Amino acid sequence: MNGSLPPIGYRVVAAERRGAKVKKKLETDPLHAETVRLIYRLALDGDGTSGPMGAKNITARLNQRRIFTRDGGRWDIGRVHRILSRATYIGRHEFNKRSKSKELKPVSEVIAVAVPPLIDQATFHAVQAHLRARNPRVTPARRQRPHPPYPYLLLHRPWRRNDAPHRLGRALSLAGHDRR
């Protein structure tokens, strides 16, 4: 938690001082906590005119209503989905999940601390069930599995950097390409 950016809805405050080190903890950020609660309400109940909403519709609604992220930016689907699937919001914040090479660490090395909950457990579990029902292929175990980054780049690379025509002194041929 020391040095990392806190989850949306929380802020870092100094908890105690140990010599020259300052120990920190997460505290509810009142401004953004309401946004997190709104996201969960929309996911569970919708906006009153529709049923429960998915991450894509929630993202569109937040951006239409000009509700900005903590840094003043627009919402994206990934950020909303992380909020909806993160156990921090029911009072259990986990960190130290990945190594410096971004690989998942064993569960025994993950550190969990208690934080003030923003959402009650019943709401959180209802939203989790709703997300699983919308996309049954996404399970917690499947999300945890590491995968190679950008596999499509490895499959569709027309030539390697050193084989590029301009590196071999050849002109790039546009034969067979439309000139629209």
N, C-alpha and C. Protein backbone atom coordinates (compact mmCIF):
# COMPACT_ATOMS: atom_id res chain seq x y z
N MET A 1 0.83 -1.18 0.00
CA MET A 1 0.00 0.00 0.00
C MET A 1 0.88 1.25 0.00
N ASN A 2 2.03 1.17 0.60
CA ASN A 2 2.91 2.33 0.60
C ASN A 2 3.40 2.62 -0.80
N GLY A 3 3.06 3.78 -1.31
CA GLY A 3 3.55 4.19 -2.61
C GLY A 3 2.62 3.89 -3.77
N SER A 4 1.69 3.00 -3.59
CA SER A 4 0.80 2.68 -4.70
C SER A 4 -0.42 3.61 -4.69
N LEU A 5 -1.06 3.72 -5.83
CA LEU A 5 -2.25 4.54 -5.95
C LEU A 5 -3.42 3.80 -5.31
N PRO A 6 -4.17 4.43 -4.44
CA PRO A 6 -5.27 3.72 -3.77
C PRO A 6 -6.42 3.46 -4.74
N PRO A 7 -7.27 2.48 -4.44
CA PRO A 7 -8.44 2.23 -5.29
C PRO A 7 -9.36 3.45 -5.27
N ILE A 8 -10.14 3.62 -6.32
CA ILE A 8 -11.08 4.74 -6.39
C ILE A 8 -12.07 4.61 -5.24
N GLY A 9 -12.31 5.70 -4.54
CA GLY A 9 -13.20 5.69 -3.39
C GLY A 9 -12.44 5.72 -2.07
N TYR A 10 -11.12 5.58 -2.16
CA TYR A 10 -10.27 5.60 -0.98
C TYR A 10 -9.15 6.61 -1.15
N ARG A 11 -8.58 7.01 -0.03
CA ARG A 11 -7.39 7.86 -0.05
C ARG A 11 -6.42 7.33 0.99
N VAL A 12 -5.15 7.65 0.83
CA VAL A 12 -4.11 7.19 1.73
C VAL A 12 -3.88 8.24 2.80
N VAL A 13 -3.85 7.81 4.05
CA VAL A 13 -3.56 8.71 5.17
C VAL A 13 -2.47 8.08 6.02
N ALA A 14 -1.72 8.91 6.73
CA ALA A 14 -0.67 8.43 7.62
C ALA A 14 -1.33 7.80 8.84
N ALA A 15 -0.93 6.56 9.17
CA ALA A 15 -1.51 5.86 10.31
C ALA A 15 -0.61 5.99 11.54
N GLU A 16 0.68 5.79 11.34
CA GLU A 16 1.63 5.90 12.46
C GLU A 16 3.03 6.13 11.92
N ARG A 17 3.91 6.52 12.80
CA ARG A 17 5.30 6.79 12.44
C ARG A 17 6.18 5.81 13.18
N ARG A 18 7.05 5.14 12.45
CA ARG A 18 8.03 4.21 13.04
C ARG A 18 9.41 4.68 12.62
N GLY A 19 10.02 5.46 13.47
CA GLY A 19 11.32 6.05 13.15
C GLY A 19 11.15 7.03 12.01
N ALA A 20 11.89 6.81 10.91
CA ALA A 20 11.79 7.70 9.76
C ALA A 20 10.66 7.29 8.81
N LYS A 21 10.11 6.08 9.02
CA LYS A 21 9.07 5.58 8.12
C LYS A 21 7.68 5.98 8.61
N VAL A 22 6.84 6.30 7.66
CA VAL A 22 5.45 6.62 7.96
C VAL A 22 4.60 5.48 7.42
N LYS A 23 3.89 4.80 8.30
CA LYS A 23 2.98 3.73 7.89
C LYS A 23 1.66 4.35 7.46
N LYS A 24 1.08 3.84 6.40
CA LYS A 24 -0.13 4.44 5.85
C LYS A 24 -1.27 3.44 5.86
N LYS A 25 -2.49 3.97 5.74
CA LYS A 25 -3.66 3.12 5.64
C LYS A 25 -4.66 3.76 4.69
N LEU A 26 -5.63 2.96 4.27
CA LEU A 26 -6.68 3.47 3.38
C LEU A 26 -7.84 3.98 4.21
N GLU A 27 -8.37 5.11 3.76
CA GLU A 27 -9.51 5.74 4.41
C GLU A 27 -10.52 6.08 3.31
N THR A 28 -11.78 6.10 3.66
CA THR A 28 -12.82 6.43 2.67
C THR A 28 -12.64 7.86 2.18
N ASP A 29 -12.69 8.03 0.86
CA ASP A 29 -12.66 9.35 0.24
C ASP A 29 -14.12 9.72 -0.04
N PRO A 30 -14.71 10.64 0.72
CA PRO A 30 -16.15 10.89 0.60
C PRO A 30 -16.59 11.30 -0.80
N LEU A 31 -15.79 12.03 -1.52
CA LEU A 31 -16.16 12.50 -2.85
C LEU A 31 -16.33 11.33 -3.83
N HIS A 32 -15.37 10.44 -3.85
CA HIS A 32 -15.39 9.36 -4.84
C HIS A 32 -16.09 8.10 -4.32
N ALA A 33 -16.32 8.01 -3.02
CA ALA A 33 -17.05 6.87 -2.48
C ALA A 33 -18.47 6.85 -3.01
N GLU A 34 -19.06 8.01 -3.17
CA GLU A 34 -20.42 8.07 -3.72
C GLU A 34 -20.47 7.60 -5.18
N THR A 35 -19.41 7.87 -5.92
CA THR A 35 -19.35 7.39 -7.31
C THR A 35 -19.30 5.86 -7.34
N VAL A 36 -18.52 5.28 -6.43
CA VAL A 36 -18.44 3.82 -6.36
C VAL A 36 -19.80 3.24 -6.00
N ARG A 37 -20.48 3.84 -5.04
CA ARG A 37 -21.82 3.36 -4.65
C ARG A 37 -22.80 3.49 -5.82
N LEU A 38 -22.68 4.57 -6.58
CA LEU A 38 -23.54 4.75 -7.76
C LEU A 38 -23.28 3.64 -8.78
N ILE A 39 -22.03 3.30 -9.00
CA ILE A 39 -21.68 2.25 -9.96
C ILE A 39 -22.32 0.93 -9.54
N TYR A 40 -22.25 0.60 -8.26
CA TYR A 40 -22.88 -0.63 -7.77
C TYR A 40 -24.40 -0.57 -7.88
N ARG A 41 -24.99 0.59 -7.59
CA ARG A 41 -26.45 0.73 -7.72
C ARG A 41 -26.89 0.52 -9.17
N LEU A 42 -26.15 1.12 -10.10
CA LEU A 42 -26.48 0.95 -11.52
C LEU A 42 -26.32 -0.50 -11.97
N ALA A 43 -25.29 -1.17 -11.45
CA ALA A 43 -25.06 -2.57 -11.82
C ALA A 43 -26.15 -3.48 -11.28
N LEU A 44 -26.68 -3.14 -10.14
CA LEU A 44 -27.68 -4.00 -9.50
C LEU A 44 -29.11 -3.65 -9.91
N ASP A 45 -29.44 -2.37 -9.93
CA ASP A 45 -30.82 -1.94 -10.15
C ASP A 45 -31.05 -1.19 -11.46
N GLY A 46 -30.00 -0.69 -12.08
CA GLY A 46 -30.15 0.12 -13.28
C GLY A 46 -30.49 1.55 -12.91
N ASP A 47 -30.95 2.32 -13.89
CA ASP A 47 -31.23 3.74 -13.67
C ASP A 47 -32.71 4.04 -13.46
N GLY A 48 -33.51 3.00 -13.25
CA GLY A 48 -34.94 3.21 -13.05
C GLY A 48 -35.75 2.97 -14.31
N THR A 49 -35.14 3.13 -15.46
CA THR A 49 -35.86 2.89 -16.71
C THR A 49 -35.49 1.55 -17.32
N SER A 50 -34.41 0.96 -16.81
CA SER A 50 -33.95 -0.33 -17.33
C SER A 50 -33.61 -1.23 -16.15
N GLY A 51 -33.29 -2.44 -16.44
CA GLY A 51 -32.86 -3.37 -15.40
C GLY A 51 -31.40 -3.16 -15.08
N PRO A 52 -30.78 -4.16 -14.47
CA PRO A 52 -29.36 -4.06 -14.13
C PRO A 52 -28.52 -3.70 -15.36
N MET A 53 -27.47 -2.94 -15.13
CA MET A 53 -26.62 -2.49 -16.23
C MET A 53 -25.27 -3.18 -16.17
N GLY A 54 -24.66 -3.36 -17.32
CA GLY A 54 -23.32 -3.90 -17.42
C GLY A 54 -22.29 -2.79 -17.40
N ALA A 55 -21.02 -3.16 -17.40
CA ALA A 55 -19.93 -2.19 -17.31
C ALA A 55 -19.96 -1.19 -18.46
N LYS A 56 -20.31 -1.66 -19.65
CA LYS A 56 -20.33 -0.76 -20.82
C LYS A 56 -21.39 0.33 -20.67
N ASN A 57 -22.59 -0.06 -20.25
CA ASN A 57 -23.67 0.93 -20.07
C ASN A 57 -23.39 1.86 -18.89
N ILE A 58 -22.79 1.33 -17.84
CA ILE A 58 -22.44 2.18 -16.69
C ILE A 58 -21.41 3.21 -17.12
N THR A 59 -20.42 2.78 -17.89
CA THR A 59 -19.39 3.69 -18.39
C THR A 59 -20.02 4.81 -19.20
N ALA A 60 -20.90 4.45 -20.11
CA ALA A 60 -21.57 5.46 -20.95
C ALA A 60 -22.37 6.43 -20.09
N ARG A 61 -23.07 5.91 -19.10
CA ARG A 61 -23.89 6.77 -18.23
C ARG A 61 -23.03 7.75 -17.43
N LEU A 62 -21.93 7.26 -16.85
CA LEU A 62 -21.05 8.14 -16.08
C LEU A 62 -20.47 9.24 -16.96
N ASN A 63 -20.06 8.88 -18.17
CA ASN A 63 -19.48 9.88 -19.07
C ASN A 63 -20.53 10.86 -19.57
N GLN A 64 -21.75 10.39 -19.82
CA GLN A 64 -22.83 11.30 -20.25
C GLN A 64 -23.18 12.29 -19.15
N ARG A 65 -23.16 11.83 -17.92
CA ARG A 65 -23.50 12.70 -16.78
C ARG A 65 -22.32 13.56 -16.32
N ARG A 66 -21.20 13.43 -17.02
CA ARG A 66 -19.98 14.20 -16.73
C ARG A 66 -19.50 13.96 -15.30
N ILE A 67 -19.55 12.70 -14.90
CA ILE A 67 -18.97 12.27 -13.63
C ILE A 67 -17.58 11.77 -13.97
N PHE A 68 -16.57 12.47 -13.51
CA PHE A 68 -15.20 12.17 -13.91
C PHE A 68 -14.51 11.22 -12.93
N THR A 69 -13.42 10.62 -13.40
CA THR A 69 -12.60 9.77 -12.54
C THR A 69 -11.85 10.64 -11.54
N ARG A 70 -11.12 9.99 -10.68
CA ARG A 70 -10.37 10.70 -9.65
C ARG A 70 -9.39 11.70 -10.25
N ASP A 71 -8.79 11.36 -11.38
CA ASP A 71 -7.81 12.26 -12.00
C ASP A 71 -8.45 13.20 -13.03
N GLY A 72 -9.78 13.26 -13.08
CA GLY A 72 -10.46 14.19 -13.96
C GLY A 72 -10.70 13.67 -15.36
N GLY A 73 -10.44 12.39 -15.59
CA GLY A 73 -10.60 11.82 -16.92
C GLY A 73 -11.96 11.16 -17.11
N ARG A 74 -12.10 10.55 -18.30
CA ARG A 74 -13.33 9.85 -18.62
C ARG A 74 -13.23 8.40 -18.13
N TRP A 75 -14.37 7.80 -17.88
CA TRP A 75 -14.41 6.42 -17.45
C TRP A 75 -14.22 5.50 -18.64
N ASP A 76 -13.64 4.32 -18.39
CA ASP A 76 -13.56 3.29 -19.41
C ASP A 76 -14.10 1.99 -18.82
N ILE A 77 -14.41 1.05 -19.68
CA ILE A 77 -15.06 -0.19 -19.26
C ILE A 77 -14.19 -0.96 -18.27
N GLY A 78 -12.90 -1.02 -18.51
CA GLY A 78 -11.99 -1.77 -17.63
C GLY A 78 -11.99 -1.23 -16.21
N ARG A 79 -11.99 0.07 -16.08
CA ARG A 79 -11.97 0.69 -14.76
C ARG A 79 -13.26 0.40 -14.01
N VAL A 80 -14.39 0.49 -14.70
CA VAL A 80 -15.69 0.20 -14.08
C VAL A 80 -15.74 -1.29 -13.69
N HIS A 81 -15.26 -2.16 -14.57
CA HIS A 81 -15.28 -3.59 -14.27
C HIS A 81 -14.40 -3.90 -13.05
N ARG A 82 -13.26 -3.25 -12.94
CA ARG A 82 -12.40 -3.47 -11.77
C ARG A 82 -13.10 -3.07 -10.49
N ILE A 83 -13.83 -1.96 -10.53
CA ILE A 83 -14.58 -1.53 -9.35
C ILE A 83 -15.63 -2.57 -8.99
N LEU A 84 -16.32 -3.08 -9.99
CA LEU A 84 -17.39 -4.05 -9.74
C LEU A 84 -16.88 -5.40 -9.26
N SER A 85 -15.64 -5.73 -9.53
CA SER A 85 -15.13 -7.05 -9.18
C SER A 85 -14.08 -7.04 -8.08
N ARG A 86 -13.85 -5.92 -7.46
CA ARG A 86 -12.78 -5.79 -6.46
C ARG A 86 -13.32 -5.93 -5.04
N ALA A 87 -12.75 -6.87 -4.28
CA ALA A 87 -13.21 -7.14 -2.91
C ALA A 87 -12.85 -6.03 -1.94
N THR A 88 -12.04 -5.08 -2.35
CA THR A 88 -11.68 -3.95 -1.49
C THR A 88 -12.94 -3.23 -1.01
N TYR A 89 -13.94 -3.15 -1.87
CA TYR A 89 -15.12 -2.36 -1.55
C TYR A 89 -16.04 -3.01 -0.51
N ILE A 90 -15.75 -4.27 -0.14
CA ILE A 90 -16.49 -4.88 0.97
C ILE A 90 -15.60 -5.00 2.21
N GLY A 91 -14.43 -4.36 2.17
CA GLY A 91 -13.59 -4.28 3.36
C GLY A 91 -12.34 -5.14 3.38
N ARG A 92 -11.98 -5.77 2.27
CA ARG A 92 -10.78 -6.63 2.22
C ARG A 92 -9.91 -6.19 1.04
N HIS A 93 -8.86 -5.43 1.36
CA HIS A 93 -7.96 -4.93 0.31
C HIS A 93 -6.75 -5.85 0.21
N GLU A 94 -6.50 -6.35 -0.99
CA GLU A 94 -5.36 -7.24 -1.23
C GLU A 94 -4.31 -6.52 -2.05
N PHE A 95 -3.06 -6.72 -1.68
CA PHE A 95 -1.97 -6.17 -2.48
C PHE A 95 -0.81 -7.14 -2.46
N ASN A 96 0.27 -6.81 -3.15
CA ASN A 96 1.43 -7.68 -3.33
C ASN A 96 1.03 -8.91 -4.15
N LYS A 97 0.17 -8.73 -5.14
CA LYS A 97 -0.30 -9.84 -5.96
C LYS A 97 0.64 -10.20 -7.09
N ARG A 98 1.38 -9.20 -7.59
CA ARG A 98 2.24 -9.44 -8.75
C ARG A 98 3.69 -9.10 -8.45
N SER A 99 4.58 -9.81 -9.13
CA SER A 99 6.01 -9.53 -8.99
C SER A 99 6.37 -8.34 -9.87
N LYS A 100 7.61 -7.95 -9.83
CA LYS A 100 8.05 -6.81 -10.66
C LYS A 100 7.94 -7.13 -12.14
N SER A 101 7.98 -8.42 -12.48
CA SER A 101 7.84 -8.82 -13.89
C SER A 101 6.37 -9.02 -14.26
N LYS A 102 5.44 -8.58 -13.39
CA LYS A 102 3.99 -8.59 -13.62
C LYS A 102 3.38 -9.99 -13.58
N GLU A 103 4.13 -10.99 -13.10
CA GLU A 103 3.57 -12.33 -12.98
C GLU A 103 2.87 -12.46 -11.64
N LEU A 104 1.81 -13.27 -11.61
CA LEU A 104 1.07 -13.48 -10.37
C LEU A 104 1.93 -14.20 -9.34
N LYS A 105 1.88 -13.73 -8.11
CA LYS A 105 2.58 -14.40 -7.02
C LYS A 105 1.69 -15.48 -6.45
N PRO A 106 2.27 -16.43 -5.70
CA PRO A 106 1.44 -17.44 -5.05
C PRO A 106 0.49 -16.78 -4.04
N VAL A 107 -0.65 -17.42 -3.81
CA VAL A 107 -1.66 -16.88 -2.91
C VAL A 107 -1.08 -16.66 -1.51
N SER A 108 -0.11 -17.46 -1.12
CA SER A 108 0.48 -17.33 0.22
C SER A 108 1.23 -16.01 0.40
N GLU A 109 1.65 -15.37 -0.69
CA GLU A 109 2.38 -14.11 -0.61
C GLU A 109 1.49 -12.88 -0.71
N VAL A 110 0.22 -13.06 -1.04
CA VAL A 110 -0.72 -11.95 -1.15
C VAL A 110 -1.04 -11.44 0.25
N ILE A 111 -1.03 -10.14 0.42
CA ILE A 111 -1.30 -9.52 1.72
C ILE A 111 -2.69 -8.91 1.69
N ALA A 112 -3.49 -9.22 2.70
CA ALA A 112 -4.85 -8.68 2.79
C ALA A 112 -4.95 -7.85 4.08
N VAL A 113 -5.53 -6.67 3.95
CA VAL A 113 -5.75 -5.80 5.12
C VAL A 113 -7.21 -5.38 5.14
N ALA A 114 -7.69 -5.09 6.34
CA ALA A 114 -9.06 -4.62 6.49
C ALA A 114 -9.11 -3.12 6.20
N VAL A 115 -10.11 -2.71 5.45
CA VAL A 115 -10.34 -1.30 5.13
C VAL A 115 -11.82 -1.01 5.38
N PRO A 116 -12.18 0.26 5.51
CA PRO A 116 -13.61 0.58 5.68
C PRO A 116 -14.40 0.17 4.43
N PRO A 117 -15.44 -0.63 4.60
CA PRO A 117 -16.22 -1.05 3.42
C PRO A 117 -17.06 0.09 2.86
N LEU A 118 -17.20 0.11 1.54
CA LEU A 118 -18.07 1.09 0.88
C LEU A 118 -19.39 0.45 0.46
N ILE A 119 -19.37 -0.87 0.27
CA ILE A 119 -20.53 -1.61 -0.21
C ILE A 119 -20.79 -2.76 0.76
N ASP A 120 -22.06 -3.07 1.02
CA ASP A 120 -22.35 -4.22 1.88
C ASP A 120 -22.14 -5.51 1.10
N GLN A 121 -21.89 -6.60 1.81
CA GLN A 121 -21.54 -7.85 1.15
C GLN A 121 -22.66 -8.40 0.28
N ALA A 122 -23.92 -8.21 0.71
CA ALA A 122 -25.04 -8.72 -0.07
C ALA A 122 -25.08 -8.05 -1.46
N THR A 123 -24.87 -6.74 -1.50
CA THR A 123 -24.85 -6.03 -2.78
C THR A 123 -23.69 -6.50 -3.64
N PHE A 124 -22.51 -6.64 -3.03
CA PHE A 124 -21.32 -7.07 -3.77
C PHE A 124 -21.55 -8.45 -4.39
N HIS A 125 -22.05 -9.40 -3.60
CA HIS A 125 -22.25 -10.75 -4.12
C HIS A 125 -23.36 -10.80 -5.16
N ALA A 126 -24.38 -9.97 -5.02
CA ALA A 126 -25.44 -9.90 -6.03
C ALA A 126 -24.88 -9.38 -7.35
N VAL A 127 -24.00 -8.38 -7.29
CA VAL A 127 -23.38 -7.85 -8.51
C VAL A 127 -22.46 -8.90 -9.13
N GLN A 128 -21.72 -9.65 -8.30
CA GLN A 128 -20.84 -10.70 -8.83
C GLN A 128 -21.66 -11.75 -9.56
N ALA A 129 -22.80 -12.14 -8.98
CA ALA A 129 -23.67 -13.13 -9.63
C ALA A 129 -24.21 -12.58 -10.95
N HIS A 130 -24.55 -11.29 -10.96
CA HIS A 130 -25.05 -10.66 -12.18
C HIS A 130 -23.96 -10.64 -13.26
N LEU A 131 -22.73 -10.33 -12.88
CA LEU A 131 -21.63 -10.31 -13.85
C LEU A 131 -21.37 -11.71 -14.41
N ARG A 132 -21.41 -12.72 -13.55
CA ARG A 132 -21.20 -14.10 -14.02
C ARG A 132 -22.33 -14.54 -14.94
N ALA A 133 -23.55 -14.11 -14.65
CA ALA A 133 -24.69 -14.48 -15.50
C ALA A 133 -24.58 -13.83 -16.87
N ARG A 134 -24.06 -12.61 -16.93
CA ARG A 134 -23.91 -11.90 -18.20
C ARG A 134 -22.81 -12.50 -19.05
N ASN A 135 -21.75 -13.00 -18.40
CA ASN A 135 -20.62 -13.56 -19.11
C ASN A 135 -20.13 -14.79 -18.36
N PRO A 136 -20.73 -15.96 -18.59
CA PRO A 136 -20.37 -17.15 -17.81
C PRO A 136 -18.96 -17.65 -18.06
N ARG A 137 -18.32 -17.22 -19.14
CA ARG A 137 -16.95 -17.67 -19.42
C ARG A 137 -15.94 -17.05 -18.48
N VAL A 138 -16.25 -15.88 -17.91
CA VAL A 138 -15.30 -15.19 -17.04
C VAL A 138 -15.52 -15.66 -15.61
N THR A 139 -14.56 -16.41 -15.12
CA THR A 139 -14.61 -16.87 -13.74
C THR A 139 -13.39 -16.33 -13.02
N PRO A 140 -13.41 -16.22 -11.71
CA PRO A 140 -12.23 -15.71 -11.00
C PRO A 140 -10.97 -16.48 -11.32
N ALA A 141 -11.05 -17.82 -11.43
CA ALA A 141 -9.84 -18.61 -11.72
C ALA A 141 -9.31 -18.28 -13.12
N ARG A 142 -10.21 -18.04 -14.06
CA ARG A 142 -9.78 -17.75 -15.42
C ARG A 142 -9.11 -16.37 -15.51
N ARG A 143 -9.63 -15.39 -14.76
CA ARG A 143 -9.04 -14.06 -14.78
C ARG A 143 -7.63 -14.06 -14.19
N GLN A 144 -7.36 -15.00 -13.28
CA GLN A 144 -6.08 -15.03 -12.61
C GLN A 144 -4.98 -15.62 -13.49
N ARG A 145 -5.36 -16.38 -14.54
CA ARG A 145 -4.36 -17.06 -15.34
C ARG A 145 -3.57 -16.06 -16.18
N PRO A 146 -2.23 -16.04 -16.03
CA PRO A 146 -1.44 -15.11 -16.86
C PRO A 146 -1.42 -15.57 -18.31
N HIS A 147 -1.34 -14.65 -19.22
CA HIS A 147 -1.29 -14.97 -20.64
C HIS A 147 -0.27 -14.05 -21.29
N PRO A 148 0.27 -14.49 -22.44
CA PRO A 148 1.27 -13.65 -23.09
C PRO A 148 0.64 -12.37 -23.62
N PRO A 149 1.33 -11.26 -23.51
CA PRO A 149 0.76 -10.01 -23.98
C PRO A 149 0.72 -9.95 -25.50
N TYR A 150 -0.37 -9.44 -26.02
CA TYR A 150 -0.54 -9.18 -27.44
C TYR A 150 -0.17 -10.37 -28.33
N PRO A 151 -0.81 -11.52 -28.16
CA PRO A 151 -0.43 -12.68 -28.98
C PRO A 151 -0.69 -12.46 -30.47
N TYR A 152 -1.65 -11.59 -30.81
CA TYR A 152 -1.93 -11.36 -32.22
C TYR A 152 -0.76 -10.68 -32.92
N LEU A 153 0.05 -9.92 -32.19
CA LEU A 153 1.22 -9.30 -32.81
C LEU A 153 2.25 -10.35 -33.20
N LEU A 154 2.34 -11.40 -32.40
CA LEU A 154 3.31 -12.45 -32.70
C LEU A 154 2.88 -13.27 -33.91
N LEU A 155 1.58 -13.40 -34.13
CA LEU A 155 1.08 -14.22 -35.23
C LEU A 155 1.05 -13.48 -36.56
N HIS A 156 0.85 -12.18 -36.55
CA HIS A 156 0.63 -11.43 -37.78
C HIS A 156 1.75 -10.46 -38.13
N ARG A 157 2.92 -10.67 -37.59
CA ARG A 157 4.02 -9.76 -37.89
C ARG A 157 4.55 -10.09 -39.28
N PRO A 158 4.46 -9.16 -40.24
CA PRO A 158 4.86 -9.49 -41.60
C PRO A 158 6.37 -9.69 -41.75
N TRP A 159 7.16 -8.99 -41.00
CA TRP A 159 8.60 -9.19 -41.04
C TRP A 159 9.20 -8.66 -39.76
N ARG A 160 10.35 -9.14 -39.46
CA ARG A 160 11.05 -8.65 -38.28
C ARG A 160 11.72 -7.33 -38.61
N ARG A 161 12.07 -6.61 -37.59
CA ARG A 161 12.65 -5.28 -37.77
C ARG A 161 13.84 -5.30 -38.72
N ASN A 162 14.73 -6.27 -38.57
CA ASN A 162 15.94 -6.29 -39.40
C ASN A 162 15.66 -6.77 -40.83
N ASP A 163 14.50 -7.39 -41.05
CA ASP A 163 14.15 -7.84 -42.39
C ASP A 163 13.33 -6.81 -43.15
N ALA A 164 13.02 -5.69 -42.55
CA ALA A 164 12.21 -4.68 -43.20
C ALA A 164 12.90 -4.19 -44.47
N PRO A 165 12.13 -3.92 -45.53
CA PRO A 165 12.72 -3.54 -46.82
C PRO A 165 13.67 -2.35 -46.72
N HIS A 166 13.33 -1.35 -45.94
CA HIS A 166 14.19 -0.16 -45.89
C HIS A 166 15.52 -0.46 -45.21
N ARG A 167 15.59 -1.49 -44.37
CA ARG A 167 16.85 -1.85 -43.72
C ARG A 167 17.75 -2.65 -44.67
N LEU A 168 17.15 -3.28 -45.68
CA LEU A 168 17.92 -4.07 -46.61
C LEU A 168 18.25 -3.30 -47.89
N GLY A 169 17.93 -2.01 -47.90
CA GLY A 169 18.24 -1.18 -49.06
C GLY A 169 17.26 -1.34 -50.20
N ARG A 170 16.13 -1.99 -49.96
CA ARG A 170 15.12 -2.18 -51.00
C ARG A 170 14.01 -1.17 -50.82
N ALA A 171 13.36 -0.87 -51.91
CA ALA A 171 12.21 0.02 -51.84
C ALA A 171 11.00 -0.80 -51.41
N LEU A 172 10.11 -0.19 -50.70
CA LEU A 172 8.89 -0.84 -50.26
C LEU A 172 7.94 -0.97 -51.44
N SER A 173 7.54 -2.17 -51.77
CA SER A 173 6.65 -2.41 -52.90
C SER A 173 5.20 -2.28 -52.47
N LEU A 174 4.43 -1.54 -53.23
CA LEU A 174 3.01 -1.39 -52.96
C LEU A 174 2.18 -2.20 -53.96
N ALA A 175 2.83 -3.13 -54.65
CA ALA A 175 2.12 -3.95 -55.63
C ALA A 175 1.05 -4.76 -54.93
N GLY A 176 -0.12 -4.78 -55.52
CA GLY A 176 -1.22 -5.55 -54.96
C GLY A 176 -2.06 -4.77 -53.97
N HIS A 177 -1.69 -3.54 -53.65
CA HIS A 177 -2.45 -2.72 -52.73
C HIS A 177 -3.29 -1.71 -53.52
N ASP A 178 -4.52 -1.52 -53.10
CA ASP A 178 -5.39 -0.53 -53.74
C ASP A 178 -4.88 0.86 -53.46
N ARG A 179 -5.12 1.75 -54.39
CA ARG A 179 -4.75 3.18 -54.19
C ARG A 179 -6.03 3.99 -54.16
N ARG A 180 -6.86 3.73 -53.19
CA ARG A 180 -8.12 4.46 -53.10
C ARG A 180 -7.97 5.77 -52.43
